[in-house]
Amino acid sequence: MNELVKNISDSDLISMCNEIYEWKNTGALNQEGLLRKIFIEHEGKYVFVKNLEEEVLMEAHSRFKILFVANPSLYVR
């Protein structure tokens, strides 16, 4: 897993999970959001927002045990 996502604070991780939820419902990233900022700053690593989404959800699952499935990104679809 990417060290960037592992080192994000709990509050930022929760914010990013909320942004993913909104992105899934609207199809657009929050222009002011942390998810979009990280995606743009690390464009070489994250070719698709989906790649960043998977890392964020796996880290949230690891920290908070909020999603009880083997692959949390499948839960959000």
C-alpha atoms as a PDB file:
ATOM      1  CA  MET A   1       0.000   0.000   0.000  1.00  0.00           C
ATOM      2  CA  ASN A   2       1.140   3.513  -0.718  1.00  0.00           C
ATOM      3  CA  GLU A   3       2.838   5.293   2.176  1.00  0.00           C
ATOM      4  CA  LEU A   4       0.992   8.491   1.270  1.00  0.00           C
ATOM      5  CA  VAL A   5      -2.372   6.978   2.132  1.00  0.00           C
ATOM      6  CA  LYS A   6      -0.990   5.167   5.176  1.00  0.00           C
ATOM      7  CA  ASN A   7       0.297   8.463   6.607  1.00  0.00           C
ATOM      8  CA  ILE A   8      -2.906  10.469   6.157  1.00  0.00           C
ATOM      9  CA  SER A   9      -4.622  11.518   9.381  1.00  0.00           C
ATOM     10  CA  ASP A  10      -7.821   9.780  10.445  1.00  0.00           C
ATOM     11  CA  SER A  11      -9.876  12.911   9.791  1.00  0.00           C
ATOM     12  CA  ASP A  12      -8.425  13.333   6.283  1.00  0.00           C
ATOM     13  CA  LEU A  13      -9.030   9.655   5.556  1.00  0.00           C
ATOM     14  CA  ILE A  14     -12.674  10.010   6.616  1.00  0.00           C
ATOM     15  CA  SER A  15     -12.996  13.136   4.460  1.00  0.00           C
ATOM     16  CA  MET A  16     -11.592  11.235   1.499  1.00  0.00           C
ATOM     17  CA  CYS A  17     -14.071   8.392   2.079  1.00  0.00           C
ATOM     18  CA  ASN A  18     -16.884  10.958   2.065  1.00  0.00           C
ATOM     19  CA  GLU A  19     -15.505  12.429  -1.165  1.00  0.00           C
ATOM     20  CA  ILE A  20     -15.449   8.964  -2.735  1.00  0.00           C
ATOM     21  CA  TYR A  21     -19.074   8.492  -1.731  1.00  0.00           C
ATOM     22  CA  GLU A  22     -20.014  11.831  -3.313  1.00  0.00           C
ATOM     23  CA  TRP A  23     -17.963  11.037  -6.429  1.00  0.00           C
ATOM     24  CA  LYS A  24     -19.803   7.731  -6.829  1.00  0.00           C
ATOM     25  CA  ASN A  25     -23.177   9.500  -6.530  1.00  0.00           C
ATOM     26  CA  THR A  26     -22.447  12.544  -8.703  1.00  0.00           C
ATOM     27  CA  GLY A  27     -19.695  11.364 -11.062  1.00  0.00           C
ATOM     28  CA  ALA A  28     -17.605  14.444 -10.256  1.00  0.00           C
ATOM     29  CA  LEU A  29     -14.785  15.003  -7.799  1.00  0.00           C
ATOM     30  CA  ASN A  30     -15.126  17.834  -5.303  1.00  0.00           C
ATOM     31  CA  GLN A  31     -13.033  20.647  -6.808  1.00  0.00           C
ATOM     32  CA  GLU A  32     -11.777  21.668  -3.360  1.00  0.00           C
ATOM     33  CA  GLY A  33     -11.382  18.146  -1.970  1.00  0.00           C
ATOM     34  CA  LEU A  34      -8.343  16.312  -0.724  1.00  0.00           C
ATOM     35  CA  LEU A  35      -8.985  13.339  -3.016  1.00  0.00           C
ATOM     36  CA  ARG A  36      -8.738  15.535  -6.115  1.00  0.00           C
ATOM     37  CA  LYS A  37      -5.692  17.360  -4.749  1.00  0.00           C
ATOM     38  CA  ILE A  38      -3.796  14.112  -4.135  1.00  0.00           C
ATOM     39  CA  PHE A  39      -4.876  12.715  -7.495  1.00  0.00           C
ATOM     40  CA  ILE A  40      -3.510  15.783  -9.303  1.00  0.00           C
ATOM     41  CA  GLU A  41      -0.296  16.016  -7.246  1.00  0.00           C
ATOM     42  CA  HIS A  42       0.516  12.329  -7.813  1.00  0.00           C
ATOM     43  CA  GLU A  43      -0.627  12.025 -11.408  1.00  0.00           C
ATOM     44  CA  GLY A  44       2.134   9.568 -12.320  1.00  0.00           C
ATOM     45  CA  LYS A  45       1.114   7.147  -9.566  1.00  0.00           C
ATOM     46  CA  TYR A  46      -2.635   7.376  -9.985  1.00  0.00           C
ATOM     47  CA  VAL A  47      -3.573   7.093 -13.637  1.00  0.00           C
ATOM     48  CA  PHE A  48      -7.229   6.766 -12.636  1.00  0.00           C
ATOM     49  CA  VAL A  49      -9.078   8.081  -9.592  1.00  0.00           C
ATOM     50  CA  LYS A  50     -10.214   4.473  -9.153  1.00  0.00           C
ATOM     51  CA  ASN A  51      -6.638   3.497  -8.187  1.00  0.00           C
ATOM     52  CA  LEU A  52      -6.556   6.101  -5.428  1.00  0.00           C
ATOM     53  CA  GLU A  53     -10.071   5.145  -4.358  1.00  0.00           C
ATOM     54  CA  GLU A  54      -9.033   1.525  -3.808  1.00  0.00           C
ATOM     55  CA  GLU A  55      -6.055   2.533  -1.666  1.00  0.00           C
ATOM     56  CA  VAL A  56      -8.135   4.926   0.431  1.00  0.00           C
ATOM     57  CA  LEU A  57     -10.883   2.365   1.039  1.00  0.00           C
ATOM     58  CA  MET A  58      -8.410  -0.402   1.889  1.00  0.00           C
ATOM     59  CA  GLU A  59      -6.688   1.884   4.402  1.00  0.00           C
ATOM     60  CA  ALA A  60     -10.027   2.923   5.922  1.00  0.00           C
ATOM     61  CA  HIS A  61     -10.968  -0.733   6.202  1.00  0.00           C
ATOM     62  CA  SER A  62      -7.642  -1.507   7.851  1.00  0.00           C
ATOM     63  CA  ARG A  63      -7.889   1.347  10.363  1.00  0.00           C
ATOM     64  CA  PHE A  64     -11.559   1.452  11.192  1.00  0.00           C
ATOM     65  CA  LYS A  65     -12.860  -1.999  10.202  1.00  0.00           C
ATOM     66  CA  ILE A  66     -15.858  -0.181   8.734  1.00  0.00           C
ATOM     67  CA  LEU A  67     -16.389  -2.412   5.725  1.00  0.00           C
ATOM     68  CA  PHE A  68     -16.700  -6.115   6.350  1.00  0.00           C
ATOM     69  CA  VAL A  69     -15.820  -7.447   2.924  1.00  0.00           C
ATOM     70  CA  ALA A  70     -12.509  -8.665   1.532  1.00  0.00           C
ATOM     71  CA  ASN A  71     -12.354  -5.913  -1.099  1.00  0.00           C
ATOM     72  CA  PRO A  72     -13.942  -2.691   0.223  1.00  0.00           C
ATOM     73  CA  SER A  73     -13.948  -0.983  -3.188  1.00  0.00           C
ATOM     74  CA  LEU A  74     -16.506  -3.542  -4.370  1.00  0.00           C
ATOM     75  CA  TYR A  75     -18.807  -2.455  -1.546  1.00  0.00           C
ATOM     76  CA  VAL A  76     -19.031   1.126  -2.823  1.00  0.00           C
ATOM     77  CA  ARG A  77     -20.001   0.243  -6.419  1.00  0.00           C
END
